[in-house]
Each structure stands twice: as structure tokens, then as C-alpha cells.
C-alpha atoms as a PDB file:
ATOM      1  CA  MET A   1      73.211  77.082  44.948  1.00  0.00           C
ATOM      2  CA  SER A   2      71.388  74.032  46.207  1.00  0.00           C
ATOM      3  CA  ALA A   3      73.109  71.837  48.585  1.00  0.00           C
ATOM      4  CA  ASN A   4      71.606  68.759  46.739  1.00  0.00           C
ATOM      5  CA  LYS A   5      72.447  69.846  43.464  1.00  0.00           C
ATOM      6  CA  ILE A   6      74.957  67.512  41.474  1.00  0.00           C
ATOM      7  CA  ILE A   7      77.935  68.996  39.995  1.00  0.00           C
ATOM      8  CA  LYS A   8      78.669  68.018  36.511  1.00  0.00           C
ATOM      9  CA  LYS A   9      82.279  67.103  35.628  1.00  0.00           C
ATOM     10  CA  TYR A  10      83.080  66.779  32.001  1.00  0.00           C
ATOM     11  CA  ILE A  11      85.939  64.402  30.433  1.00  0.00           C
ATOM     12  CA  ASN A  12      87.671  64.264  27.187  1.00  0.00           C
ATOM     13  CA  PRO A  13      87.511  60.639  26.115  1.00  0.00           C
ATOM     14  CA  TYR A  14      90.135  61.060  23.557  1.00  0.00           C
ATOM     15  CA  ASN A  15      92.962  58.616  24.313  1.00  0.00           C
ATOM     16  CA  LEU A  16      91.727  58.470  27.899  1.00  0.00           C
ATOM     17  CA  PHE A  17      90.342  54.754  28.173  1.00  0.00           C
ATOM     18  CA  VAL A  18      91.935  51.400  27.773  1.00  0.00           C
ATOM     19  CA  GLY A  19      89.602  48.536  26.989  1.00  0.00           C
ATOM     20  CA  SER A  20      87.976  46.418  24.340  1.00  0.00           C
ATOM     21  CA  PHE A  21      86.925  48.153  21.172  1.00  0.00           C
ATOM     22  CA  ILE A  22      84.686  47.064  18.213  1.00  0.00           C
ATOM     23  CA  PRO A  23      86.298  47.606  14.806  1.00  0.00           C
ATOM     24  CA  ASN A  24      83.995  49.866  12.618  1.00  0.00           C
ATOM     25  CA  TRP A  25      83.603  46.985   9.874  1.00  0.00           C
ATOM     26  CA  LEU A  26      82.090  44.823  12.777  1.00  0.00           C
ATOM     27  CA  LEU A  27      80.086  47.450  14.414  1.00  0.00           C
ATOM     28  CA  LYS A  28      77.876  48.398  11.561  1.00  0.00           C
ATOM     29  CA  ARG A  29      77.025  44.678  10.663  1.00  0.00           C
ATOM     30  CA  THR A  30      73.532  43.914  11.444  1.00  0.00           C
ATOM     31  CA  GLU A  31      73.921  40.281  11.134  1.00  0.00           C
ATOM     32  CA  ILE A  32      75.779  39.995  14.235  1.00  0.00           C
ATOM     33  CA  SER A  33      74.276  40.648  17.773  1.00  0.00           C
ATOM     34  CA  PRO A  34      75.629  43.361  19.980  1.00  0.00           C
ATOM     35  CA  GLY A  35      76.723  40.971  22.405  1.00  0.00           C
ATOM     36  CA  ALA A  36      78.681  38.830  20.034  1.00  0.00           C
ATOM     37  CA  LYS A  37      80.374  41.919  18.834  1.00  0.00           C
ATOM     38  CA  LEU A  38      81.381  42.797  22.431  1.00  0.00           C
ATOM     39  CA  CYS A  39      82.702  39.325  22.764  1.00  0.00           C
ATOM     40  CA  TYR A  40      84.625  39.656  19.660  1.00  0.00           C
ATOM     41  CA  ALA A  41      86.079  42.869  21.101  1.00  0.00           C
ATOM     42  CA  ARG A  42      87.052  41.289  24.233  1.00  0.00           C
ATOM     43  CA  LEU A  43      88.772  38.372  22.593  1.00  0.00           C
ATOM     44  CA  ALA A  44      90.565  40.568  20.339  1.00  0.00           C
ATOM     45  CA  GLN A  45      92.105  42.338  23.486  1.00  0.00           C
ATOM     46  CA  PHE A  46      93.051  38.925  24.704  1.00  0.00           C
ATOM     47  CA  ALA A  47      95.106  38.134  21.463  1.00  0.00           C
ATOM     48  CA  GLY A  48      98.785  37.637  21.741  1.00  0.00           C
ATOM     49  CA  LYS A  49     101.490  38.199  19.215  1.00  0.00           C
ATOM     50  CA  ASP A  50     100.707  35.063  17.492  1.00  0.00           C
ATOM     51  CA  GLY A  51      96.991  36.059  17.047  1.00  0.00           C
ATOM     52  CA  GLU A  52      95.556  33.415  19.433  1.00  0.00           C
ATOM     53  CA  CYS A  53      93.851  33.862  22.743  1.00  0.00           C
ATOM     54  CA  PHE A  54      92.613  31.392  25.349  1.00  0.00           C
ATOM     55  CA  PRO A  55      90.479  33.074  27.844  1.00  0.00           C
ATOM     56  CA  GLY A  56      87.982  30.978  30.026  1.00  0.00           C
ATOM     57  CA  GLN A  57      84.273  31.168  29.244  1.00  0.00           C
ATOM     58  CA  SER A  58      83.849  32.163  32.962  1.00  0.00           C
ATOM     59  CA  THR A  59      86.441  35.001  32.424  1.00  0.00           C
ATOM     60  CA  LEU A  60      84.594  36.201  29.286  1.00  0.00           C
ATOM     61  CA  ALA A  61      81.289  36.086  30.954  1.00  0.00           C
ATOM     62  CA  SER A  62      82.450  38.104  34.022  1.00  0.00           C
ATOM     63  CA  GLU A  63      84.276  40.756  31.757  1.00  0.00           C
ATOM     64  CA  ILE A  64      81.392  41.431  29.309  1.00  0.00           C
ATOM     65  CA  GLY A  65      78.821  41.203  31.927  1.00  0.00           C
ATOM     66  CA  THR A  66      77.014  38.011  31.189  1.00  0.00           C
ATOM     67  CA  GLY A  67      76.543  34.351  31.891  1.00  0.00           C
ATOM     68  CA  GLU A  68      78.706  31.568  30.549  1.00  0.00           C
ATOM     69  CA  ARG A  69      75.697  30.236  28.685  1.00  0.00           C
ATOM     70  CA  GLN A  70      75.244  33.379  26.815  1.00  0.00           C
ATOM     71  CA  VAL A  71      79.199  33.698  26.059  1.00  0.00           C
ATOM     72  CA  ARG A  72      78.722  30.097  24.482  1.00  0.00           C
ATOM     73  CA  ARG A  73      75.971  31.477  22.356  1.00  0.00           C
ATOM     74  CA  TYR A  74      78.038  34.439  21.240  1.00  0.00           C
ATOM     75  CA  LEU A  75      81.033  32.308  20.449  1.00  0.00           C
ATOM     76  CA  SER A  76      78.813  30.047  18.383  1.00  0.00           C
ATOM     77  CA  GLU A  77      77.325  32.971  16.610  1.00  0.00           C
ATOM     78  CA  LEU A  78      81.032  34.535  15.696  1.00  0.00           C
ATOM     79  CA  GLU A  79      82.219  31.075  14.581  1.00  0.00           C
ATOM     80  CA  GLU A  80      79.130  30.374  12.345  1.00  0.00           C
ATOM     81  CA  SER A  81      79.816  33.860  10.853  1.00  0.00           C
ATOM     82  CA  GLU A  82      83.396  32.876  10.066  1.00  0.00           C
ATOM     83  CA  LEU A  83      84.890  35.377  12.278  1.00  0.00           C
ATOM     84  CA  ILE A  84      86.686  33.221  14.600  1.00  0.00           C
ATOM     85  CA  GLU A  85      87.569  29.453  14.922  1.00  0.00           C
ATOM     86  CA  THR A  86      87.733  27.494  18.143  1.00  0.00           C
ATOM     87  CA  VAL A  87      90.468  25.041  18.610  1.00  0.00           C
ATOM     88  CA  GLN A  88      89.643  22.273  21.292  1.00  0.00           C
ATOM     89  CA  ALA A  89      92.733  22.203  23.666  1.00  0.00           C
ATOM     90  CA  GLY A  90      91.944  18.979  25.480  1.00  0.00           C
ATOM     91  CA  LEU A  91      90.301  18.004  28.679  1.00  0.00           C
ATOM     92  CA  HIS A  92      90.252  20.561  31.701  1.00  0.00           C
ATOM     93  CA  GLN A  93      91.969  23.210  29.248  1.00  0.00           C
ATOM     94  CA  THR A  94      90.404  26.378  27.894  1.00  0.00           C
ATOM     95  CA  ASN A  95      89.776  26.368  24.210  1.00  0.00           C
ATOM     96  CA  HIS A  96      92.086  28.485  21.968  1.00  0.00           C
ATOM     97  CA  TYR A  97      90.385  30.987  19.503  1.00  0.00           C
ATOM     98  CA  ARG A  98      91.647  32.142  16.248  1.00  0.00           C
ATOM     99  CA  PHE A  99      90.645  35.171  14.263  1.00  0.00           C
ATOM    100  CA  LEU A 100      89.760  34.762  10.504  1.00  0.00           C
ATOM    101  CA  TRP A 101      89.857  37.199   7.790  1.00  0.00           C
ATOM    102  CA  HIS A 102      86.526  38.112   6.276  1.00  0.00           C
ATOM    103  CA  PRO A 103      85.491  40.013   3.414  1.00  0.00           C
ATOM    104  CA  TRP A 104      83.622  42.330   5.630  1.00  0.00           C
ATOM    105  CA  MET A 105      86.917  43.946   6.621  1.00  0.00           C
ATOM    106  CA  GLU A 106      87.167  45.225   3.175  1.00  0.00           C
ATOM    107  CA  GLY A 107      83.675  46.316   3.086  1.00  0.00           C
ATOM    108  CA  LYS A 108      82.488  43.363   0.757  1.00  0.00           C
ATOM    109  CA  ASP A 109      79.236  41.344   1.812  1.00  0.00           C
ATOM    110  CA  LYS A 110      80.083  37.301   1.680  1.00  0.00           C
ATOM    111  CA  LYS A 111      77.248  35.116   0.663  1.00  0.00           C
ATOM    112  CA  LYS A 112      75.987  32.806   3.428  1.00  0.00           C
ATOM    113  CA  ASN A 113      77.137  29.325   3.184  1.00  0.00           C
ATOM    114  CA  PRO A 114      74.364  27.264   2.039  1.00  0.00           C
ATOM    115  CA  SER A 115      74.886  24.709   4.869  1.00  0.00           C
ATOM    116  CA  GLY A 116      74.617  27.428   7.391  1.00  0.00           C
ATOM    117  CA  LYS A 117      77.868  26.326   8.991  1.00  0.00           C
ATOM    118  CA  GLY A 118      80.869  28.429   9.434  1.00  0.00           C
ATOM    119  CA  GLY A 119      84.230  28.279   7.577  1.00  0.00           C
ATOM    120  CA  SER A 120      87.019  25.674   7.287  1.00  0.00           C
ATOM    121  CA  ARG A 121      87.987  24.289  10.513  1.00  0.00           C
ATOM    122  CA  GLY A 122      91.534  23.648   9.029  1.00  0.00           C
ATOM    123  CA  CYS A 123      92.226  27.343   8.707  1.00  0.00           C
ATOM    124  CA  GLU A 124      95.348  28.755  10.536  1.00  0.00           C
ATOM    125  CA  ASN A 125      95.319  32.200  12.144  1.00  0.00           C
ATOM    126  CA  PRO A 126      95.574  35.158   9.402  1.00  0.00           C
ATOM    127  CA  ASP A 127      97.816  38.143   9.849  1.00  0.00           C
ATOM    128  CA  ARG A 128      96.452  40.381  12.531  1.00  0.00           C
ATOM    129  CA  THR A 129      98.174  43.440  11.382  1.00  0.00           C
ATOM    130  CA  TYR A 130      96.627  43.019   7.815  1.00  0.00           C
ATOM    131  CA  MET A 131      93.041  42.448   9.545  1.00  0.00           C
ATOM    132  CA  THR A 132      93.008  45.582  11.588  1.00  0.00           C
ATOM    133  CA  ALA A 133      94.741  47.980   9.103  1.00  0.00           C
ATOM    134  CA  PRO A 134      91.527  48.760   6.992  1.00  0.00           C
ATOM    135  CA  ASP A 135      89.646  49.678  10.151  1.00  0.00           C
ATOM    136  CA  ARG A 136      92.246  51.778  11.525  1.00  0.00           C
ATOM    137  CA  THR A 137      92.600  53.662   8.070  1.00  0.00           C
ATOM    138  CA  ASP A 138      88.644  54.353   7.868  1.00  0.00           C
ATOM    139  CA  MET A 139      88.771  55.823  11.466  1.00  0.00           C
ATOM    140  CA  SER A 140      91.533  58.215  10.731  1.00  0.00           C
ATOM    141  CA  GLY A 141      89.735  59.307   7.598  1.00  0.00           C
ATOM    142  CA  GLN A 142      86.260  59.969   9.664  1.00  0.00           C
ATOM    143  CA  GLU A 143      88.472  61.985  12.053  1.00  0.00           C
ATOM    144  CA  ARG A 144      89.987  64.147   9.306  1.00  0.00           C
ATOM    145  CA  THR A 145      86.578  65.071   8.100  1.00  0.00           C
ATOM    146  CA  ASN A 146      85.122  65.980  11.182  1.00  0.00           C
ATOM    147  CA  LYS A 147      85.622  69.858  12.105  1.00  0.00           C
ATOM    148  CA  SER A 148      84.773  69.626  15.492  1.00  0.00           C
ATOM    149  CA  VAL A 149      87.964  67.699  16.355  1.00  0.00           C
ATOM    150  CA  LYS A 150      90.893  69.981  17.701  1.00  0.00           C
ATOM    151  CA  LYS A 151      93.648  70.385  15.355  1.00  0.00           C
ATOM    152  CA  ASN A 152      96.358  68.961  17.571  1.00  0.00           C
ATOM    153  CA  GLN A 153      94.176  65.888  17.991  1.00  0.00           C
ATOM    154  CA  LEU A 154      93.707  65.466  14.338  1.00  0.00           C
ATOM    155  CA  LYS A 155      97.352  65.747  13.508  1.00  0.00           C
ATOM    156  CA  GLU A 156      98.206  63.052  16.221  1.00  0.00           C
ATOM    157  CA  SER A 157      95.464  60.854  15.057  1.00  0.00           C
ATOM    158  CA  SER A 158      96.523  60.889  11.349  1.00  0.00           C
ATOM    159  CA  LYS A 159     100.172  60.194  12.300  1.00  0.00           C
ATOM    160  CA  GLU A 160      99.220  57.183  14.381  1.00  0.00           C
ATOM    161  CA  THR A 161      96.756  55.626  12.088  1.00  0.00           C
ATOM    162  CA  THR A 162      97.987  56.037   8.619  1.00  0.00           C
ATOM    163  CA  THR A 163      99.385  52.885   7.098  1.00  0.00           C
ATOM    164  CA  ALA A 164     102.397  52.832   4.675  1.00  0.00           C
ATOM    165  CA  THR A 165     101.574  51.889   0.987  1.00  0.00           C
ATOM    166  CA  VAL A 166     103.575  49.040  -0.164  1.00  0.00           C
ATOM    167  CA  VAL A 167     104.470  48.884  -4.126  1.00  0.00           C
ATOM    168  CA  VAL A 168     104.878  45.261  -5.178  1.00  0.00           C
ATOM    169  CA  ASP A 169     105.961  44.665  -8.970  1.00  0.00           C
ATOM    170  CA  GLY A 170     103.048  43.624 -11.083  1.00  0.00           C
ATOM    171  CA  GLU A 171     105.025  40.551 -12.541  1.00  0.00           C
ATOM    172  CA  GLU A 172     105.311  39.230  -9.154  1.00  0.00           C
ATOM    173  CA  ILE A 173     101.565  39.356  -8.835  1.00  0.00           C
ATOM    174  CA  GLN A 174     101.055  37.854 -12.189  1.00  0.00           C
ATOM    175  CA  LYS A 175     103.617  35.053 -11.417  1.00  0.00           C
ATOM    176  CA  LEU A 176     101.680  34.322  -8.062  1.00  0.00           C
ATOM    177  CA  ARG A 177      98.302  34.122  -9.874  1.00  0.00           C
ATOM    178  CA  LYS A 178      99.604  31.629 -12.374  1.00  0.00           C
ATOM    179  CA  ALA A 179     100.880  29.480  -9.249  1.00  0.00           C
ATOM    180  CA  LEU A 180      97.493  29.683  -7.427  1.00  0.00           C
ATOM    181  CA  ALA A 181      95.006  26.860  -7.830  1.00  0.00           C
ATOM    182  CA  PRO A 182      91.503  28.141  -9.186  1.00  0.00           C
ATOM    183  CA  ALA A 183      89.891  27.858  -5.882  1.00  0.00           C
ATOM    184  CA  TYR A 184      92.167  30.777  -4.840  1.00  0.00           C
ATOM    185  CA  ALA A 185      91.536  33.060  -8.189  1.00  0.00           C
ATOM    186  CA  ASP A 186      89.574  35.496  -6.233  1.00  0.00           C
ATOM    187  CA  ILE A 187      91.998  36.793  -3.748  1.00  0.00           C
ATOM    188  CA  PRO A 188      92.369  40.467  -4.093  1.00  0.00           C
ATOM    189  CA  ASP A 189      95.512  41.890  -5.036  1.00  0.00           C
ATOM    190  CA  ASN A 190      96.060  43.897  -2.116  1.00  0.00           C
ATOM    191  CA  VAL A 191      96.105  40.861  -0.055  1.00  0.00           C
ATOM    192  CA  LEU A 192      98.576  39.182  -2.337  1.00  0.00           C
ATOM    193  CA  THR A 193     100.787  42.400  -2.136  1.00  0.00           C
ATOM    194  CA  HIS A 194     100.647  42.444   1.607  1.00  0.00           C
ATOM    195  CA  LEU A 195     101.618  38.864   1.620  1.00  0.00           C
ATOM    196  CA  ILE A 196     104.532  39.334  -0.626  1.00  0.00           C
ATOM    197  CA  ASN A 197     105.622  42.250   1.174  1.00  0.00           C
ATOM    198  CA  LYS A 198     105.579  40.505   4.692  1.00  0.00           C
ATOM    199  CA  LYS A 199     106.818  37.084   3.761  1.00  0.00           C
ATOM    200  CA  GLY A 200     108.651  37.512   0.486  1.00  0.00           C
ATOM    201  CA  ILE A 201     107.558  36.258  -3.055  1.00  0.00           C
ATOM    202  CA  GLU A 202     109.441  32.986  -2.767  1.00  0.00           C
ATOM    203  CA  ASN A 203     107.553  31.793   0.382  1.00  0.00           C
ATOM    204  CA  VAL A 204     104.243  32.937  -0.986  1.00  0.00           C
ATOM    205  CA  LEU A 205     104.957  31.101  -4.154  1.00  0.00           C
ATOM    206  CA  SER A 206     105.899  28.052  -2.357  1.00  0.00           C
ATOM    207  CA  VAL A 207     102.468  28.117  -0.399  1.00  0.00           C
ATOM    208  CA  ALA A 208     100.611  28.790  -3.757  1.00  0.00           C
ATOM    209  CA  ARG A 209     102.306  25.685  -5.506  1.00  0.00           C
ATOM    210  CA  GLN A 210     101.715  23.399  -2.525  1.00  0.00           C
ATOM    211  CA  THR A 211      98.119  24.380  -2.096  1.00  0.00           C
ATOM    212  CA  ALA A 212      97.700  23.831  -6.010  1.00  0.00           C
ATOM    213  CA  TYR A 213      99.325  20.329  -5.500  1.00  0.00           C
ATOM    214  CA  GLN A 214      96.864  19.387  -2.688  1.00  0.00           C
ATOM    215  CA  LEU A 215      93.859  20.335  -4.496  1.00  0.00           C
ATOM    216  CA  SER A 216      94.892  18.312  -7.597  1.00  0.00           C
ATOM    217  CA  HIS A 217      95.350  15.315  -5.410  1.00  0.00           C
ATOM    218  CA  GLY A 218      91.778  15.244  -4.052  1.00  0.00           C
ATOM    219  CA  SER A 219      91.902  17.939  -1.162  1.00  0.00           C
ATOM    220  CA  LYS A 220      88.758  19.753  -0.624  1.00  0.00           C
ATOM    221  CA  SER A 221      88.563  23.441  -1.493  1.00  0.00           C
ATOM    222  CA  PRO A 222      88.566  25.804   1.458  1.00  0.00           C
ATOM    223  CA  ASP A 223      85.120  27.730   2.567  1.00  0.00           C
ATOM    224  CA  ASN A 224      87.016  30.862   2.928  1.00  0.00           C
ATOM    225  CA  PRO A 225      89.788  30.776   0.341  1.00  0.00           C
ATOM    226  CA  THR A 226      91.380  34.303   1.015  1.00  0.00           C
ATOM    227  CA  GLY A 227      91.451  33.712   4.701  1.00  0.00           C
ATOM    228  CA  HIS A 228      92.769  30.339   4.398  1.00  0.00           C
ATOM    229  CA  PHE A 229      95.557  31.356   1.994  1.00  0.00           C
ATOM    230  CA  ILE A 230      96.533  34.068   4.456  1.00  0.00           C
ATOM    231  CA  SER A 231      96.689  31.836   7.261  1.00  0.00           C
ATOM    232  CA  LEU A 232      98.970  29.437   5.296  1.00  0.00           C
ATOM    233  CA  ALA A 233     101.261  32.033   4.038  1.00  0.00           C
ATOM    234  CA  THR A 234     101.692  33.625   7.429  1.00  0.00           C
ATOM    235  CA  ARG A 235     101.929  30.760   9.687  1.00  0.00           C
ATOM    236  CA  GLY A 236     103.350  28.126   7.393  1.00  0.00           C
ATOM    237  CA  MET A 237     101.703  24.950   6.064  1.00  0.00           C
ATOM    238  CA  ASN A 238     102.489  21.358   6.392  1.00  0.00           C
ATOM    239  CA  ARG A 239     104.295  20.007   3.520  1.00  0.00           C
ATOM    240  CA  PRO A 240     102.097  17.750   1.423  1.00  0.00           C
ATOM    241  CA  GLN A 241     102.841  14.330   0.896  1.00  0.00           C
ATOM    242  CA  GLY A 242     104.702  13.478  -2.239  1.00  0.00           C
ATOM    243  CA  TYR A 243     105.247  17.407  -3.115  1.00  0.00           C
ATOM    244  CA  VAL A 244     108.416  18.086  -4.922  1.00  0.00           C
ATOM    245  CA  SER A 245     109.302  21.696  -5.488  1.00  0.00           C
ATOM    246  CA  ALA A 246     110.638  23.082  -8.712  1.00  0.00           C
ATOM    247  CA  GLU A 247     114.265  23.491  -7.010  1.00  0.00           C
ATOM    248  CA  GLU A 248     114.052  20.114  -5.455  1.00  0.00           C
ATOM    249  CA  ARG A 249     113.167  18.481  -8.849  1.00  0.00           C
ATOM    250  CA  ARG A 250     116.214  20.449 -10.574  1.00  0.00           C
ATOM    251  CA  ASP A 251     118.437  19.037  -7.991  1.00  0.00           C
ATOM    252  CA  GLN A 252     117.163  15.473  -8.215  1.00  0.00           C
ATOM    253  CA  GLU A 253     117.578  15.751 -12.329  1.00  0.00           C
ATOM    254  CA  GLU A 254     121.104  17.010 -11.668  1.00  0.00           C
ATOM    255  CA  THR A 255     121.903  14.264  -9.330  1.00  0.00           C
ATOM    256  CA  ALA A 256     120.504  11.600 -11.814  1.00  0.00           C
ATOM    257  CA  ARG A 257     122.663  13.120 -14.629  1.00  0.00           C
ATOM    258  CA  MET A 258     125.918  13.173 -12.437  1.00  0.00           C
ATOM    259  CA  ARG A 259     125.160   9.311 -11.356  1.00  0.00           C
ATOM    260  CA  SER A 260     124.499   8.274 -14.994  1.00  0.00           C
ATOM    261  CA  ALA A 261     127.813   9.985 -16.066  1.00  0.00           C
ATOM    262  CA  LEU A 262     129.702   8.148 -13.247  1.00  0.00           C
ATOM    263  CA  ARG A 263     128.208   4.966 -14.295  1.00  0.00           C
ATOM    264  CA  LEU A 264     129.346   5.411 -17.966  1.00  0.00           C
ATOM    265  CA  LYS A 265     132.812   6.098 -16.612  1.00  0.00           C
ATOM    266  CA  GLU A 266     132.906   2.959 -14.551  1.00  0.00           C
ATOM    267  CA  GLN A 267     131.638   1.023 -17.406  1.00  0.00           C
ATOM    268  CA  GLU A 268     134.481   2.378 -19.644  1.00  0.00           C
ATOM    269  CA  ARG A 269     137.043   1.686 -17.220  1.00  0.00           C
ATOM    270  CA  GLU A 270     135.699  -2.032 -16.836  1.00  0.00           C
ATOM    271  CA  ARG A 271     135.990  -2.388 -20.647  1.00  0.00           C
ATOM    272  CA  GLU A 272     139.527  -0.906 -20.661  1.00  0.00           C
ATOM    273  CA  ASN A 273     140.514  -3.720 -18.065  1.00  0.00           C
ATOM    274  CA  LEU A 274     139.131  -6.521 -19.838  1.00  0.00           C
ATOM    275  CA  ILE A 275     141.339  -8.802 -21.571  1.00  0.00           C
ATOM    276  CA  PRO A 276     140.429  -8.979 -25.476  1.00  0.00           C
ATOM    277  CA  LEU A 277     138.573 -12.149 -26.448  1.00  0.00           C
ATOM    278  CA  ALA A 278     141.201 -12.905 -29.191  1.00  0.00           C
ATOM    279  CA  ASP A 279     144.004 -12.907 -26.747  1.00  0.00           C
ATOM    280  CA  ILE A 280     142.174 -15.320 -24.532  1.00  0.00           C
ATOM    281  CA  GLN A 281     141.522 -17.588 -27.451  1.00  0.00           C
ATOM    282  CA  ASP A 282     145.284 -17.480 -28.385  1.00  0.00           C
ATOM    283  CA  PHE A 283     146.169 -18.231 -24.689  1.00  0.00           C
ATOM    284  CA  LEU A 284     143.832 -21.527 -24.757  1.00  0.00           C
ATOM    285  CA  ASN A 285     145.349 -22.613 -28.109  1.00  0.00           C
ATOM    286  CA  ASN A 286     148.824 -22.252 -26.853  1.00  0.00           C
ATOM    287  CA  PHE A 287     148.039 -24.099 -23.524  1.00  0.00           C
ATOM    288  CA  GLY A 288     146.452 -26.876 -25.614  1.00  0.00           C
ATOM    289  CA  GLU A 289     149.346 -27.489 -27.727  1.00  0.00           C
ATOM    290  CA  ARG A 290     151.676 -27.600 -24.829  1.00  0.00           C
ATOM    291  CA  THR A 291     149.633 -30.014 -23.012  1.00  0.00           C
END
């Protein structure tokens, strides 16, 4: 064997590396540049439990091997594609980035906004667990059909990536859809099912009623209704000015009835304590005669 011959060493990449991984739904999109995909993957790795991340642009540039100007282009591309939103944190502070739900995550194409701009800047962060679940399921399905994968790896992969099926009463879905404003009518049933399972039917119903109230009082419809509703339901929303829930309305009506009943009783007592007019007249007549 030649002294200069290089000895090849093989590795098994399965569960070997820790790093930034591009989800399959994004990897196959031709609309997004490879650099922007890598930037998205690195942002996702920075994300915390609340779904937000705030790495500096210089940090992003060094970790994906490019310059800060190019990083800004990637971030702008992701924002215009409605995959993230940027929140200005203030002077001398790094921006915060939030991840938006997108129809691509369910294998659906989304028509480009006629204005060419990104989604609603008012959206809150959607639920990260729900967003990544479709991609993990797709990956496990591909592994199960690949006969070259070892049986023990196949079994472990299936166990780790399978997501539980949630069963929600169809009546709850219908009840929720009746409360939703028309702008949110196209939200898929599986999204509503996930939100009901995670936050409870009463909480999601409350968000539906409050958003309907806002839209009926002049608020602008969101560009990404599904992602916007997920954000509001998972992160909570500011109570619309003047909004009164059904429970509060019932309490107000009951309070008004109780006050009305109390006023009637007080008026009856006052009438009982009044001296009859005839008695007063007799008293005055008698007093006049004496004088």
C-alpha cells in the first residue's frame, strides 16, 4: 500500500449530528433561495420555548458563512414570503424574529399577495409544535418506505416522530365555526382541532368572538388568517375596546334585574311609611278649628 494513499473512514450520520436542519416542506420550495432556507433553519434552532429568537445579524452571518448584508437579504426574503416577522426591539438591541404558520407546511400553495409584501405585521407567534409536526410525520413516512434503512433505526424513528391523533367533537368545531368571522372561514378543521385540544374550546371560542367583534367594528382583515388566528389563540390577544362577552352580558343583565327589584322594594317601603293624604287633611282641618 502506498504511503500517500488516503484511508477512507466511513460514518453513520443517523442521529450523529447536532445542527440546523431545513424542514422538508421548505427544502423543496423553489421560491426560496438556498441561503434563505439555511437562514430559516438557523433561526429555528435559536428559537426558545416561546417561539421567538433574537440572534444578531453578525452572529447569523458568521454561523451560516456569509456577510451581514446577505443575511439582511435572506431575512427580507423570509419576511416577504410570510415565513417570519421581524419585531424591532429598539436602539442598540437585536431584532426579535417570530415564525408564522404558512400553507406550505400542509403542502398547500399560497397565492402571492398582490402588493408583493409580506403578511400582517400584527400577527403573534404561532404554535411551534403544531408547525413542525407535519414535517416530522412526513420524514418518518419516508423512512418507513426506505428498505435500505436498518430495522432498528426504522423502529426508533417511527417511535420518535409519530404524532398522536387528537379527536375533537364535531359539534365543537361547528360551534367554533359559527363564532368565527368570515375572514377566518377557510381555517382547516385540523388547525381548529389542534387549537381546541391545546387551549380548550372556551378559550378558542373567546378568541373567535373577539376577532369577529373587531372585524365588525372596522378592523382590517389579516393577510394570513390561519396564521393570525393560531397566533391569537396560542399567545392570547388584547381585549377589544368595548367588547362584552356573553357571560359578562348575562352577569350585567342579572345585576340590572337585582337592582330593579331592590328599587321596587324601596319604593314600596316608602309608600308604606307615607301618611295618607286624608289623614293629613283631617289634621289640618282639626288644627284650623282649634285656632
